[in-house]
Amino acid sequence: MTLEELLSEEKKMNAQKTTTAVFIGVLIGIAVYSATHKGFILTVILLISAYLMGSGYSQNLKSIQAEISRRDTVR
């Protein structure tokens, strides 16, 4: 990817940050509701999926930022 493509991808991911956070919050809310109404399996599945979604987003953003930083230092 070119530097311009990386910068546009970073902007796109930053714009999606709120949407991702809201979706993770909804998953955690459903998990809490499920935990209070004796649904242990659903709670675990939702918490694991929220964790994986958040960590995947974070890793993608960090890798893009690292690549941008690496290319900026080369110039």
N, C-alpha and C. Protein backbone atom coordinates (compact mmCIF):
# COMPACT_ATOMS: atom_id res chain seq x y z
N MET A 1 0.84 -1.18 0.00
CA MET A 1 0.00 0.00 0.00
C MET A 1 0.89 1.25 0.00
N THR A 2 0.41 2.25 -0.66
CA THR A 2 1.15 3.51 -0.67
C THR A 2 0.88 4.26 0.63
N LEU A 3 1.67 5.28 0.87
CA LEU A 3 1.51 6.07 2.08
C LEU A 3 0.14 6.76 2.11
N GLU A 4 -0.32 7.22 0.96
CA GLU A 4 -1.63 7.87 0.90
C GLU A 4 -2.75 6.88 1.23
N GLU A 5 -2.62 5.66 0.73
CA GLU A 5 -3.62 4.64 1.04
C GLU A 5 -3.62 4.30 2.52
N LEU A 6 -2.43 4.23 3.11
CA LEU A 6 -2.33 3.95 4.54
C LEU A 6 -2.97 5.07 5.36
N LEU A 7 -2.72 6.32 4.96
CA LEU A 7 -3.31 7.44 5.67
C LEU A 7 -4.83 7.45 5.56
N SER A 8 -5.34 7.12 4.38
CA SER A 8 -6.80 7.07 4.22
C SER A 8 -7.40 5.91 5.01
N GLU A 9 -6.69 4.80 5.09
CA GLU A 9 -7.16 3.66 5.88
C GLU A 9 -7.17 4.01 7.37
N GLU A 10 -6.16 4.75 7.81
CA GLU A 10 -6.12 5.17 9.21
C GLU A 10 -7.29 6.11 9.52
N LYS A 11 -7.57 7.04 8.63
CA LYS A 11 -8.70 7.95 8.83
C LYS A 11 -10.01 7.17 8.88
N LYS A 12 -10.15 6.18 8.01
CA LYS A 12 -11.36 5.37 7.97
C LYS A 12 -11.53 4.59 9.28
N MET A 13 -10.44 4.04 9.78
CA MET A 13 -10.52 3.28 11.02
C MET A 13 -10.81 4.19 12.21
N ASN A 14 -10.26 5.40 12.20
CA ASN A 14 -10.56 6.34 13.28
C ASN A 14 -12.02 6.76 13.25
N ALA A 15 -12.59 6.86 12.07
CA ALA A 15 -14.01 7.20 11.95
C ALA A 15 -14.89 6.04 12.44
N GLN A 16 -14.42 4.83 12.31
CA GLN A 16 -15.18 3.65 12.74
C GLN A 16 -15.02 3.37 14.23
N LYS A 17 -14.16 4.12 14.91
CA LYS A 17 -13.87 3.87 16.32
C LYS A 17 -15.13 3.94 17.17
N THR A 18 -15.96 4.94 16.95
CA THR A 18 -17.18 5.11 17.75
C THR A 18 -18.16 3.97 17.48
N THR A 19 -18.32 3.61 16.23
CA THR A 19 -19.23 2.53 15.88
C THR A 19 -18.78 1.22 16.51
N THR A 20 -17.50 0.94 16.46
CA THR A 20 -16.97 -0.28 17.05
C THR A 20 -17.18 -0.28 18.56
N ALA A 21 -16.92 0.86 19.20
CA ALA A 21 -17.09 0.95 20.65
C ALA A 21 -18.55 0.75 21.05
N VAL A 22 -19.47 1.31 20.29
CA VAL A 22 -20.90 1.14 20.59
C VAL A 22 -21.30 -0.33 20.44
N PHE A 23 -20.83 -0.97 19.38
CA PHE A 23 -21.17 -2.38 19.16
C PHE A 23 -20.61 -3.25 20.29
N ILE A 24 -19.38 -2.98 20.70
CA ILE A 24 -18.79 -3.75 21.81
C ILE A 24 -19.57 -3.49 23.09
N GLY A 25 -19.99 -2.24 23.30
CA GLY A 25 -20.79 -1.92 24.48
C GLY A 25 -22.12 -2.65 24.49
N VAL A 26 -22.75 -2.76 23.33
CA VAL A 26 -24.00 -3.50 23.24
C VAL A 26 -23.77 -4.98 23.55
N LEU A 27 -22.70 -5.55 23.03
CA LEU A 27 -22.39 -6.95 23.33
C LEU A 27 -22.18 -7.16 24.83
N ILE A 28 -21.45 -6.23 25.46
CA ILE A 28 -21.21 -6.36 26.89
C ILE A 28 -22.51 -6.17 27.67
N GLY A 29 -23.35 -5.26 27.23
CA GLY A 29 -24.65 -5.08 27.88
C GLY A 29 -25.51 -6.32 27.81
N ILE A 30 -25.54 -6.95 26.66
CA ILE A 30 -26.30 -8.20 26.50
C ILE A 30 -25.69 -9.29 27.37
N ALA A 31 -24.36 -9.31 27.46
CA ALA A 31 -23.68 -10.31 28.29
C ALA A 31 -24.03 -10.12 29.76
N VAL A 32 -24.07 -8.88 30.22
CA VAL A 32 -24.44 -8.61 31.61
C VAL A 32 -25.89 -9.03 31.87
N TYR A 33 -26.77 -8.69 30.95
CA TYR A 33 -28.17 -9.11 31.08
C TYR A 33 -28.26 -10.63 31.13
N SER A 34 -27.52 -11.28 30.26
CA SER A 34 -27.54 -12.74 30.22
C SER A 34 -26.99 -13.33 31.52
N ALA A 35 -25.96 -12.70 32.07
CA ALA A 35 -25.37 -13.21 33.32
C ALA A 35 -26.34 -13.08 34.48
N THR A 36 -27.13 -12.00 34.49
CA THR A 36 -28.07 -11.81 35.59
C THR A 36 -29.31 -12.68 35.44
N HIS A 37 -29.53 -13.24 34.27
CA HIS A 37 -30.68 -14.10 34.05
C HIS A 37 -30.27 -15.55 33.76
N LYS A 38 -29.18 -15.97 34.38
CA LYS A 38 -28.70 -17.36 34.37
C LYS A 38 -28.41 -17.90 32.97
N GLY A 39 -27.70 -17.12 32.19
CA GLY A 39 -27.29 -17.57 30.86
C GLY A 39 -25.77 -17.54 30.75
N PHE A 40 -25.09 -18.46 31.40
CA PHE A 40 -23.63 -18.43 31.50
C PHE A 40 -22.95 -18.60 30.15
N ILE A 41 -23.39 -19.52 29.33
CA ILE A 41 -22.74 -19.80 28.04
C ILE A 41 -22.83 -18.59 27.12
N LEU A 42 -23.98 -17.99 27.02
CA LEU A 42 -24.15 -16.81 26.17
C LEU A 42 -23.27 -15.66 26.67
N THR A 43 -23.16 -15.51 27.97
CA THR A 43 -22.31 -14.46 28.55
C THR A 43 -20.86 -14.65 28.13
N VAL A 44 -20.37 -15.85 28.25
CA VAL A 44 -18.97 -16.13 27.90
C VAL A 44 -18.74 -15.90 26.41
N ILE A 45 -19.63 -16.37 25.59
CA ILE A 45 -19.49 -16.22 24.14
C ILE A 45 -19.49 -14.74 23.75
N LEU A 46 -20.39 -13.96 24.33
CA LEU A 46 -20.46 -12.54 24.01
C LEU A 46 -19.23 -11.78 24.49
N LEU A 47 -18.75 -12.10 25.68
CA LEU A 47 -17.55 -11.42 26.19
C LEU A 47 -16.31 -11.77 25.38
N ILE A 48 -16.19 -13.01 24.98
CA ILE A 48 -15.05 -13.42 24.15
C ILE A 48 -15.12 -12.75 22.79
N SER A 49 -16.30 -12.68 22.20
CA SER A 49 -16.42 -12.04 20.88
C SER A 49 -16.15 -10.54 20.98
N ALA A 50 -16.59 -9.89 22.06
CA ALA A 50 -16.30 -8.46 22.25
C ALA A 50 -14.81 -8.24 22.41
N TYR A 51 -14.15 -9.10 23.16
CA TYR A 51 -12.70 -8.99 23.33
C TYR A 51 -11.96 -9.18 22.01
N LEU A 52 -12.34 -10.19 21.25
CA LEU A 52 -11.68 -10.45 19.97
C LEU A 52 -11.90 -9.31 18.99
N MET A 53 -13.09 -8.75 18.98
CA MET A 53 -13.39 -7.64 18.08
C MET A 53 -12.55 -6.42 18.45
N GLY A 54 -12.49 -6.12 19.73
CA GLY A 54 -11.72 -4.96 20.19
C GLY A 54 -10.23 -5.13 19.98
N SER A 55 -9.71 -6.30 20.27
CA SER A 55 -8.27 -6.51 20.10
C SER A 55 -7.89 -6.54 18.62
N GLY A 56 -8.74 -7.09 17.78
CA GLY A 56 -8.47 -7.10 16.34
C GLY A 56 -8.45 -5.70 15.77
N TYR A 57 -9.40 -4.88 16.18
CA TYR A 57 -9.44 -3.49 15.73
C TYR A 57 -8.19 -2.76 16.18
N SER A 58 -7.83 -2.95 17.43
CA SER A 58 -6.66 -2.27 17.99
C SER A 58 -5.37 -2.70 17.28
N GLN A 59 -5.22 -3.98 17.01
CA GLN A 59 -4.03 -4.48 16.32
C GLN A 59 -3.94 -3.94 14.90
N ASN A 60 -5.05 -3.89 14.20
CA ASN A 60 -5.05 -3.35 12.83
C ASN A 60 -4.66 -1.88 12.83
N LEU A 61 -5.21 -1.11 13.74
CA LEU A 61 -4.89 0.32 13.81
C LEU A 61 -3.43 0.53 14.18
N LYS A 62 -2.92 -0.24 15.13
CA LYS A 62 -1.52 -0.11 15.53
C LYS A 62 -0.57 -0.49 14.39
N SER A 63 -0.91 -1.52 13.64
CA SER A 63 -0.03 -1.93 12.54
C SER A 63 -0.02 -0.88 11.43
N ILE A 64 -1.16 -0.28 11.16
CA ILE A 64 -1.21 0.78 10.15
C ILE A 64 -0.42 1.99 10.62
N GLN A 65 -0.58 2.36 11.89
CA GLN A 65 0.16 3.50 12.41
C GLN A 65 1.66 3.23 12.44
N ALA A 66 2.06 2.01 12.75
CA ALA A 66 3.48 1.66 12.75
C ALA A 66 4.07 1.73 11.34
N GLU A 67 3.32 1.26 10.36
CA GLU A 67 3.78 1.31 8.98
C GLU A 67 3.90 2.76 8.50
N ILE A 68 2.93 3.60 8.87
CA ILE A 68 3.00 5.02 8.50
C ILE A 68 4.22 5.66 9.15
N SER A 69 4.44 5.36 10.41
CA SER A 69 5.59 5.91 11.12
C SER A 69 6.89 5.43 10.49
N ARG A 70 6.95 4.16 10.13
CA ARG A 70 8.16 3.61 9.52
C ARG A 70 8.45 4.29 8.19
N ARG A 71 7.40 4.50 7.41
CA ARG A 71 7.60 5.14 6.09
C ARG A 71 7.93 6.61 6.23
N ASP A 72 7.44 7.28 7.27
CA ASP A 72 7.77 8.68 7.48
C ASP A 72 9.23 8.86 7.88
N THR A 73 9.77 7.91 8.64
CA THR A 73 11.16 8.02 9.06
C THR A 73 12.12 7.69 7.93
N VAL A 74 11.67 6.92 6.96
CA VAL A 74 12.52 6.57 5.82
C VAL A 74 12.73 7.80 4.93
N ARG A 75 11.72 8.63 4.81
CA ARG A 75 11.81 9.80 3.96
C ARG A 75 12.78 10.78 4.45
